[in-house]
All heavy atoms as atom14 arrays in JSON, in Angstrom:
{
  "sequence": "RFRHDGVFMEVLEQVGAVPLPPYIDREAEPEDRQRYQT",
  "atom14_mask": [
    [1, 1, 1, 1, 1, 1, 1, 1, 1, 1, 1, 0, 0, 0],
    [1, 1, 1, 1, 1, 1, 1, 1, 1, 1, 1, 0, 0, 0],
    [1, 1, 1, 1, 1, 1, 1, 1, 1, 1, 1, 0, 0, 0],
    [1, 1, 1, 1, 1, 1, 1, 1, 1, 1, 0, 0, 0, 0],
    [1, 1, 1, 1, 1, 1, 1, 1, 0, 0, 0, 0, 0, 0],
    [1, 1, 1, 1, 0, 0, 0, 0, 0, 0, 0, 0, 0, 0],
    [1, 1, 1, 1, 1, 1, 1, 0, 0, 0, 0, 0, 0, 0],
    [1, 1, 1, 1, 1, 1, 1, 1, 1, 1, 1, 0, 0, 0],
    [1, 1, 1, 1, 1, 1, 1, 1, 0, 0, 0, 0, 0, 0],
    [1, 1, 1, 1, 1, 1, 1, 1, 1, 0, 0, 0, 0, 0],
    [1, 1, 1, 1, 1, 1, 1, 0, 0, 0, 0, 0, 0, 0],
    [1, 1, 1, 1, 1, 1, 1, 1, 0, 0, 0, 0, 0, 0],
    [1, 1, 1, 1, 1, 1, 1, 1, 1, 0, 0, 0, 0, 0],
    [1, 1, 1, 1, 1, 1, 1, 1, 1, 0, 0, 0, 0, 0],
    [1, 1, 1, 1, 1, 1, 1, 0, 0, 0, 0, 0, 0, 0],
    [1, 1, 1, 1, 0, 0, 0, 0, 0, 0, 0, 0, 0, 0],
    [1, 1, 1, 1, 1, 0, 0, 0, 0, 0, 0, 0, 0, 0],
    [1, 1, 1, 1, 1, 1, 1, 0, 0, 0, 0, 0, 0, 0],
    [1, 1, 1, 1, 1, 1, 1, 0, 0, 0, 0, 0, 0, 0],
    [1, 1, 1, 1, 1, 1, 1, 1, 0, 0, 0, 0, 0, 0],
    [1, 1, 1, 1, 1, 1, 1, 0, 0, 0, 0, 0, 0, 0],
    [1, 1, 1, 1, 1, 1, 1, 0, 0, 0, 0, 0, 0, 0],
    [1, 1, 1, 1, 1, 1, 1, 1, 1, 1, 1, 1, 0, 0],
    [1, 1, 1, 1, 1, 1, 1, 1, 0, 0, 0, 0, 0, 0],
    [1, 1, 1, 1, 1, 1, 1, 1, 0, 0, 0, 0, 0, 0],
    [1, 1, 1, 1, 1, 1, 1, 1, 1, 1, 1, 0, 0, 0],
    [1, 1, 1, 1, 1, 1, 1, 1, 1, 0, 0, 0, 0, 0],
    [1, 1, 1, 1, 1, 0, 0, 0, 0, 0, 0, 0, 0, 0],
    [1, 1, 1, 1, 1, 1, 1, 1, 1, 0, 0, 0, 0, 0],
    [1, 1, 1, 1, 1, 1, 1, 0, 0, 0, 0, 0, 0, 0],
    [1, 1, 1, 1, 1, 1, 1, 1, 1, 0, 0, 0, 0, 0],
    [1, 1, 1, 1, 1, 1, 1, 1, 0, 0, 0, 0, 0, 0],
    [1, 1, 1, 1, 1, 1, 1, 1, 1, 1, 1, 0, 0, 0],
    [1, 1, 1, 1, 1, 1, 1, 1, 1, 0, 0, 0, 0, 0],
    [1, 1, 1, 1, 1, 1, 1, 1, 1, 1, 1, 0, 0, 0],
    [1, 1, 1, 1, 1, 1, 1, 1, 1, 1, 1, 1, 0, 0],
    [1, 1, 1, 1, 1, 1, 1, 1, 1, 0, 0, 0, 0, 0],
    [1, 1, 1, 1, 1, 1, 1, 0, 0, 0, 0, 0, 0, 0]
  ],
  "atom14_positions": [
    [[113.44, 75.94, 98.04], [114.47, 76.42, 98.98], [115.51, 77.21, 98.16], [116.04, 76.72, 97.16], [115.16, 75.28, 99.7], [116.15, 75.8, 100.73], [116.45, 74.74, 101.82], [115.31, 74.08, 102.41], [114.64, 74.59, 103.45], [114.95, 75.73, 104.0], [113.63, 73.88, 103.96], [0.0, 0.0, 0.0], [0.0, 0.0, 0.0], [0.0, 0.0, 0.0]],
    [[115.72, 78.42, 98.67], [116.68, 79.3, 97.93], [118.08, 79.15, 98.5], [118.26, 78.99, 99.69], [116.21, 80.74, 98.08], [114.99, 81.02, 97.22], [113.71, 80.98, 97.79], [115.12, 81.33, 95.9], [112.56, 81.26, 97.0], [114.01, 81.59, 95.08], [112.75, 81.52, 95.66], [0.0, 0.0, 0.0], [0.0, 0.0, 0.0], [0.0, 0.0, 0.0]],
    [[119.0, 79.24, 97.62], [120.43, 79.43, 97.95], [120.82, 80.78, 97.4], [120.52, 81.12, 96.25], [121.28, 78.29, 97.33], [121.01, 76.95, 98.01], [121.97, 75.89, 97.53], [121.7, 75.42, 96.2], [120.96, 74.33, 95.94], [120.39, 73.64, 96.9], [120.79, 73.95, 94.68], [0.0, 0.0, 0.0], [0.0, 0.0, 0.0], [0.0, 0.0, 0.0]],
    [[121.55, 81.58, 98.25], [121.83, 82.96, 97.86], [122.99, 83.49, 98.62], [123.4, 82.96, 99.65], [120.6, 83.83, 98.07], [120.04, 83.67, 99.51], [120.52, 84.4, 100.55], [119.07, 82.84, 100.01], [119.86, 84.03, 101.65], [118.98, 83.1, 101.34], [0.0, 0.0, 0.0], [0.0, 0.0, 0.0], [0.0, 0.0, 0.0], [0.0, 0.0, 0.0]],
    [[123.53, 84.58, 98.13], [124.59, 85.34, 98.82], [123.84, 86.4, 99.67], [122.91, 87.04, 99.18], [125.49, 86.03, 97.85], [126.38, 85.08, 97.1], [126.62, 83.98, 97.66], [126.82, 85.44, 95.99], [0.0, 0.0, 0.0], [0.0, 0.0, 0.0], [0.0, 0.0, 0.0], [0.0, 0.0, 0.0], [0.0, 0.0, 0.0], [0.0, 0.0, 0.0]],
    [[124.24, 86.63, 100.89], [123.7, 87.69, 101.7], [122.29, 87.44, 102.29], [121.91, 86.28, 102.39], [0.0, 0.0, 0.0], [0.0, 0.0, 0.0], [0.0, 0.0, 0.0], [0.0, 0.0, 0.0], [0.0, 0.0, 0.0], [0.0, 0.0, 0.0], [0.0, 0.0, 0.0], [0.0, 0.0, 0.0], [0.0, 0.0, 0.0], [0.0, 0.0, 0.0]],
    [[121.64, 88.47, 102.61], [120.28, 88.4, 103.19], [119.21, 88.25, 102.06], [119.22, 88.99, 101.08], [119.97, 89.74, 103.99], [118.59, 89.71, 104.51], [121.0, 89.91, 105.07], [0.0, 0.0, 0.0], [0.0, 0.0, 0.0], [0.0, 0.0, 0.0], [0.0, 0.0, 0.0], [0.0, 0.0, 0.0], [0.0, 0.0, 0.0], [0.0, 0.0, 0.0]],
    [[118.39, 87.24, 102.18], [117.48, 86.87, 101.12], [116.61, 88.04, 100.67], [116.48, 88.29, 99.41], [116.53, 85.72, 101.55], [115.56, 85.37, 100.48], [116.0, 84.72, 99.29], [114.23, 85.65, 100.6], [115.1, 84.39, 98.26], [113.31, 85.28, 99.58], [113.79, 84.69, 98.45], [0.0, 0.0, 0.0], [0.0, 0.0, 0.0], [0.0, 0.0, 0.0]],
    [[116.01, 88.79, 101.55], [115.12, 89.9, 101.15], [115.88, 90.95, 100.41], [115.36, 91.61, 99.52], [114.34, 90.46, 102.31], [113.34, 89.48, 102.91], [112.17, 88.77, 101.73], [111.14, 90.14, 101.43], [0.0, 0.0, 0.0], [0.0, 0.0, 0.0], [0.0, 0.0, 0.0], [0.0, 0.0, 0.0], [0.0, 0.0, 0.0], [0.0, 0.0, 0.0]],
    [[117.17, 91.2, 100.75], [117.97, 92.17, 100.03], [118.31, 91.69, 98.62], [118.3, 92.44, 97.66], [119.24, 92.47, 100.82], [118.97, 93.24, 102.13], [120.22, 93.4, 102.97], [121.34, 93.04, 102.52], [120.07, 93.9, 104.11], [0.0, 0.0, 0.0], [0.0, 0.0, 0.0], [0.0, 0.0, 0.0], [0.0, 0.0, 0.0], [0.0, 0.0, 0.0]],
    [[118.56, 90.36, 98.48], [118.81, 89.79, 97.16], [117.53, 89.88, 96.31], [117.56, 90.26, 95.13], [119.3, 88.33, 97.29], [119.42, 87.67, 95.96], [120.65, 88.29, 98.03], [0.0, 0.0, 0.0], [0.0, 0.0, 0.0], [0.0, 0.0, 0.0], [0.0, 0.0, 0.0], [0.0, 0.0, 0.0], [0.0, 0.0, 0.0], [0.0, 0.0, 0.0]],
    [[116.4, 89.58, 96.92], [115.13, 89.62, 96.27], [114.84, 91.03, 95.74], [114.33, 91.22, 94.65], [114.0, 89.16, 97.21], [112.65, 88.92, 96.53], [112.71, 87.84, 95.45], [111.65, 88.54, 97.64], [0.0, 0.0, 0.0], [0.0, 0.0, 0.0], [0.0, 0.0, 0.0], [0.0, 0.0, 0.0], [0.0, 0.0, 0.0], [0.0, 0.0, 0.0]],
    [[115.2, 92.05, 96.52], [115.02, 93.46, 96.06], [115.79, 93.74, 94.79], [115.35, 94.48, 93.93], [115.47, 94.44, 97.15], [114.51, 94.6, 98.3], [113.24, 95.32, 97.91], [113.18, 96.15, 96.94], [112.18, 95.0, 98.53], [0.0, 0.0, 0.0], [0.0, 0.0, 0.0], [0.0, 0.0, 0.0], [0.0, 0.0, 0.0], [0.0, 0.0, 0.0]],
    [[116.97, 93.11, 94.65], [117.78, 93.3, 93.42], [117.35, 92.48, 92.26], [117.44, 92.94, 91.09], [119.27, 93.0, 93.76], [119.86, 93.92, 94.78], [121.29, 93.53, 95.08], [122.08, 93.42, 94.16], [121.6, 93.33, 96.37], [0.0, 0.0, 0.0], [0.0, 0.0, 0.0], [0.0, 0.0, 0.0], [0.0, 0.0, 0.0], [0.0, 0.0, 0.0]],
    [[116.92, 91.28, 92.5], [116.67, 90.32, 91.4], [115.17, 90.26, 91.04], [114.86, 90.07, 89.87], [117.18, 88.92, 91.81], [116.86, 87.87, 90.76], [118.66, 88.94, 92.13], [0.0, 0.0, 0.0], [0.0, 0.0, 0.0], [0.0, 0.0, 0.0], [0.0, 0.0, 0.0], [0.0, 0.0, 0.0], [0.0, 0.0, 0.0], [0.0, 0.0, 0.0]],
    [[114.28, 90.42, 91.99], [112.85, 90.21, 91.78], [112.18, 91.44, 91.11], [112.76, 92.51, 91.0], [0.0, 0.0, 0.0], [0.0, 0.0, 0.0], [0.0, 0.0, 0.0], [0.0, 0.0, 0.0], [0.0, 0.0, 0.0], [0.0, 0.0, 0.0], [0.0, 0.0, 0.0], [0.0, 0.0, 0.0], [0.0, 0.0, 0.0], [0.0, 0.0, 0.0]],
    [[110.99, 91.18, 90.64], [110.15, 92.22, 90.01], [108.81, 92.28, 90.75], [108.37, 91.31, 91.36], [109.92, 91.94, 88.53], [0.0, 0.0, 0.0], [0.0, 0.0, 0.0], [0.0, 0.0, 0.0], [0.0, 0.0, 0.0], [0.0, 0.0, 0.0], [0.0, 0.0, 0.0], [0.0, 0.0, 0.0], [0.0, 0.0, 0.0], [0.0, 0.0, 0.0]],
    [[108.14, 93.4, 90.66], [106.8, 93.59, 91.22], [105.84, 92.65, 90.48], [105.84, 92.65, 89.25], [106.36, 95.03, 91.13], [104.89, 95.2, 91.53], [107.24, 95.95, 91.9], [0.0, 0.0, 0.0], [0.0, 0.0, 0.0], [0.0, 0.0, 0.0], [0.0, 0.0, 0.0], [0.0, 0.0, 0.0], [0.0, 0.0, 0.0], [0.0, 0.0, 0.0]],
    [[105.05, 91.88, 91.2], [104.08, 91.0, 90.55], [102.85, 91.81, 90.12], [102.08, 92.21, 90.99], [103.76, 89.96, 91.59], [104.01, 90.66, 92.88], [105.06, 91.69, 92.64], [0.0, 0.0, 0.0], [0.0, 0.0, 0.0], [0.0, 0.0, 0.0], [0.0, 0.0, 0.0], [0.0, 0.0, 0.0], [0.0, 0.0, 0.0], [0.0, 0.0, 0.0]],
    [[102.7, 92.03, 88.83], [101.52, 92.75, 88.36], [100.36, 91.77, 88.17], [100.6, 90.62, 87.84], [101.8, 93.48, 87.04], [102.87, 94.54, 87.07], [103.1, 95.16, 85.69], [102.53, 95.61, 88.1], [0.0, 0.0, 0.0], [0.0, 0.0, 0.0], [0.0, 0.0, 0.0], [0.0, 0.0, 0.0], [0.0, 0.0, 0.0], [0.0, 0.0, 0.0]],
    [[99.11, 92.2, 88.39], [97.99, 91.29, 88.18], [97.93, 90.83, 86.68], [98.39, 91.53, 85.8], [96.77, 92.19, 88.5], [97.33, 93.34, 89.27], [98.75, 93.55, 88.82], [0.0, 0.0, 0.0], [0.0, 0.0, 0.0], [0.0, 0.0, 0.0], [0.0, 0.0, 0.0], [0.0, 0.0, 0.0], [0.0, 0.0, 0.0], [0.0, 0.0, 0.0]],
    [[97.32, 89.67, 86.5], [97.28, 89.09, 85.13], [96.51, 89.96, 84.11], [96.72, 89.83, 82.93], [96.6, 87.71, 85.31], [95.98, 87.79, 86.66], [96.68, 88.79, 87.46], [0.0, 0.0, 0.0], [0.0, 0.0, 0.0], [0.0, 0.0, 0.0], [0.0, 0.0, 0.0], [0.0, 0.0, 0.0], [0.0, 0.0, 0.0], [0.0, 0.0, 0.0]],
    [[95.6, 90.82, 84.56], [94.88, 91.68, 83.65], [95.66, 92.88, 83.18], [95.21, 93.63, 82.29], [93.55, 92.1, 84.25], [93.64, 92.75, 85.6], [93.98, 94.06, 85.73], [93.39, 92.02, 86.75], [94.08, 94.69, 86.97], [93.53, 92.6, 87.99], [93.84, 93.93, 88.1], [93.96, 94.52, 89.36], [0.0, 0.0, 0.0], [0.0, 0.0, 0.0]],
    [[96.85, 93.11, 83.74], [97.7, 94.18, 83.25], [98.62, 93.55, 82.23], [99.43, 92.66, 82.55], [98.48, 94.84, 84.38], [97.5, 95.54, 85.34], [99.57, 95.81, 83.86], [98.13, 96.26, 86.49], [0.0, 0.0, 0.0], [0.0, 0.0, 0.0], [0.0, 0.0, 0.0], [0.0, 0.0, 0.0], [0.0, 0.0, 0.0], [0.0, 0.0, 0.0]],
    [[98.51, 93.99, 80.94], [99.17, 93.36, 79.84], [100.46, 94.1, 79.47], [100.57, 94.67, 78.4], [98.18, 93.36, 78.64], [98.69, 92.48, 77.52], [99.46, 91.54, 77.78], [98.31, 92.74, 76.36], [0.0, 0.0, 0.0], [0.0, 0.0, 0.0], [0.0, 0.0, 0.0], [0.0, 0.0, 0.0], [0.0, 0.0, 0.0], [0.0, 0.0, 0.0]],
    [[101.36, 94.07, 80.4], [102.72, 94.65, 80.18], [103.67, 94.15, 81.24], [103.25, 93.56, 82.24], [102.64, 96.19, 80.23], [102.26, 96.76, 81.61], [102.28, 98.3, 81.62], [101.91, 98.82, 82.91], [102.75, 98.95, 83.96], [103.98, 98.58, 83.9], [102.28, 99.45, 85.11], [0.0, 0.0, 0.0], [0.0, 0.0, 0.0], [0.0, 0.0, 0.0]],
    [[104.93, 94.32, 81.04], [105.95, 93.98, 81.97], [106.1, 95.05, 83.05], [105.78, 96.21, 82.81], [107.31, 93.8, 81.29], [107.36, 92.61, 80.32], [107.15, 91.29, 81.03], [107.65, 91.08, 82.14], [106.38, 90.46, 80.47], [0.0, 0.0, 0.0], [0.0, 0.0, 0.0], [0.0, 0.0, 0.0], [0.0, 0.0, 0.0], [0.0, 0.0, 0.0]],
    [[106.52, 94.64, 84.23], [106.68, 95.63, 85.31], [107.79, 96.59, 84.94], [108.77, 96.22, 84.3], [107.05, 94.91, 86.6], [0.0, 0.0, 0.0], [0.0, 0.0, 0.0], [0.0, 0.0, 0.0], [0.0, 0.0, 0.0], [0.0, 0.0, 0.0], [0.0, 0.0, 0.0], [0.0, 0.0, 0.0], [0.0, 0.0, 0.0], [0.0, 0.0, 0.0]],
    [[107.61, 97.84, 85.33], [108.61, 98.9, 85.06], [109.16, 99.33, 86.41], [108.56, 99.13, 87.44], [107.88, 100.06, 84.35], [107.27, 99.64, 83.02], [106.31, 100.7, 82.47], [105.94, 101.69, 83.12], [105.82, 100.44, 81.35], [0.0, 0.0, 0.0], [0.0, 0.0, 0.0], [0.0, 0.0, 0.0], [0.0, 0.0, 0.0], [0.0, 0.0, 0.0]],
    [[110.36, 99.92, 86.37], [111.03, 100.33, 87.68], [110.14, 101.18, 88.56], [110.1, 100.97, 89.75], [112.28, 101.08, 87.2], [112.59, 100.52, 85.86], [111.25, 100.23, 85.23], [0.0, 0.0, 0.0], [0.0, 0.0, 0.0], [0.0, 0.0, 0.0], [0.0, 0.0, 0.0], [0.0, 0.0, 0.0], [0.0, 0.0, 0.0], [0.0, 0.0, 0.0]],
    [[109.4, 102.08, 88.0], [108.54, 102.96, 88.8], [107.36, 102.24, 89.46], [106.77, 102.73, 90.41], [108.07, 104.17, 88.03], [107.29, 103.87, 86.81], [108.1, 103.7, 85.53], [109.33, 103.55, 85.59], [107.53, 103.68, 84.45], [0.0, 0.0, 0.0], [0.0, 0.0, 0.0], [0.0, 0.0, 0.0], [0.0, 0.0, 0.0], [0.0, 0.0, 0.0]],
    [[107.07, 101.04, 88.95], [105.96, 100.23, 89.54], [106.18, 99.92, 90.99], [105.28, 99.69, 91.78], [105.66, 99.0, 88.73], [105.06, 99.28, 87.37], [104.39, 100.33, 87.25], [105.21, 98.46, 86.47], [0.0, 0.0, 0.0], [0.0, 0.0, 0.0], [0.0, 0.0, 0.0], [0.0, 0.0, 0.0], [0.0, 0.0, 0.0], [0.0, 0.0, 0.0]],
    [[107.48, 99.75, 91.36], [107.77, 99.41, 92.77], [107.22, 100.39, 93.72], [106.81, 100.02, 94.82], [109.29, 99.3, 93.01], [109.86, 98.05, 92.37], [111.32, 97.88, 92.75], [111.86, 96.69, 92.07], [112.54, 95.77, 92.66], [112.81, 95.85, 93.97], [112.99, 94.73, 91.97], [0.0, 0.0, 0.0], [0.0, 0.0, 0.0], [0.0, 0.0, 0.0]],
    [[107.21, 101.65, 93.4], [106.64, 102.7, 94.25], [105.12, 102.9, 93.95], [104.31, 103.06, 94.87], [107.34, 104.02, 94.11], [108.73, 103.99, 94.73], [108.64, 103.66, 96.22], [109.0, 102.63, 96.64], [108.22, 104.63, 97.01], [0.0, 0.0, 0.0], [0.0, 0.0, 0.0], [0.0, 0.0, 0.0], [0.0, 0.0, 0.0], [0.0, 0.0, 0.0]],
    [[104.74, 102.9, 92.71], [103.4, 103.29, 92.32], [102.35, 102.21, 92.75], [101.21, 102.55, 93.02], [103.27, 103.48, 90.78], [104.14, 104.66, 90.32], [103.72, 105.99, 91.0], [102.35, 106.32, 90.61], [101.47, 106.82, 91.5], [101.79, 106.97, 92.73], [100.28, 107.06, 91.07], [0.0, 0.0, 0.0], [0.0, 0.0, 0.0], [0.0, 0.0, 0.0]],
    [[102.73, 100.96, 92.86], [101.83, 99.91, 93.31], [101.99, 99.59, 94.76], [101.47, 98.58, 95.26], [101.95, 98.64, 92.43], [101.33, 98.8, 91.08], [102.08, 98.95, 89.97], [99.95, 98.73, 90.94], [101.51, 99.13, 88.7], [99.36, 98.89, 89.73], [100.15, 99.09, 88.58], [99.53, 99.23, 87.34], [0.0, 0.0, 0.0], [0.0, 0.0, 0.0]],
    [[102.67, 100.44, 95.49], [102.93, 100.24, 96.88], [101.98, 101.09, 97.68], [101.8, 102.27, 97.39], [104.36, 100.67, 97.23], [104.93, 100.2, 98.49], [105.07, 98.69, 98.51], [104.21, 98.01, 99.04], [106.11, 98.18, 97.91], [0.0, 0.0, 0.0], [0.0, 0.0, 0.0], [0.0, 0.0, 0.0], [0.0, 0.0, 0.0], [0.0, 0.0, 0.0]],
    [[101.3, 100.55, 98.66], [100.45, 101.36, 99.53], [101.23, 102.32, 100.4], [102.37, 101.96, 100.82], [99.56, 100.47, 100.47], [98.78, 101.33, 101.31], [100.38, 99.57, 101.36], [0.0, 0.0, 0.0], [0.0, 0.0, 0.0], [0.0, 0.0, 0.0], [0.0, 0.0, 0.0], [0.0, 0.0, 0.0], [0.0, 0.0, 0.0], [0.0, 0.0, 0.0]]
  ]
}
C-alpha cells in the first residue's frame, strides 16, 4: 500500500523508471520512456 502526495500515477511518473526486460543489461535511460512505448 502506497502513501504519497497527490495523484499516485502522477507521482509514479516522476519517481518510477521504465521496467526493462532482464535480458537488457543496462539501466533505463530517459528516452526509453518513449522508445519502449507502443
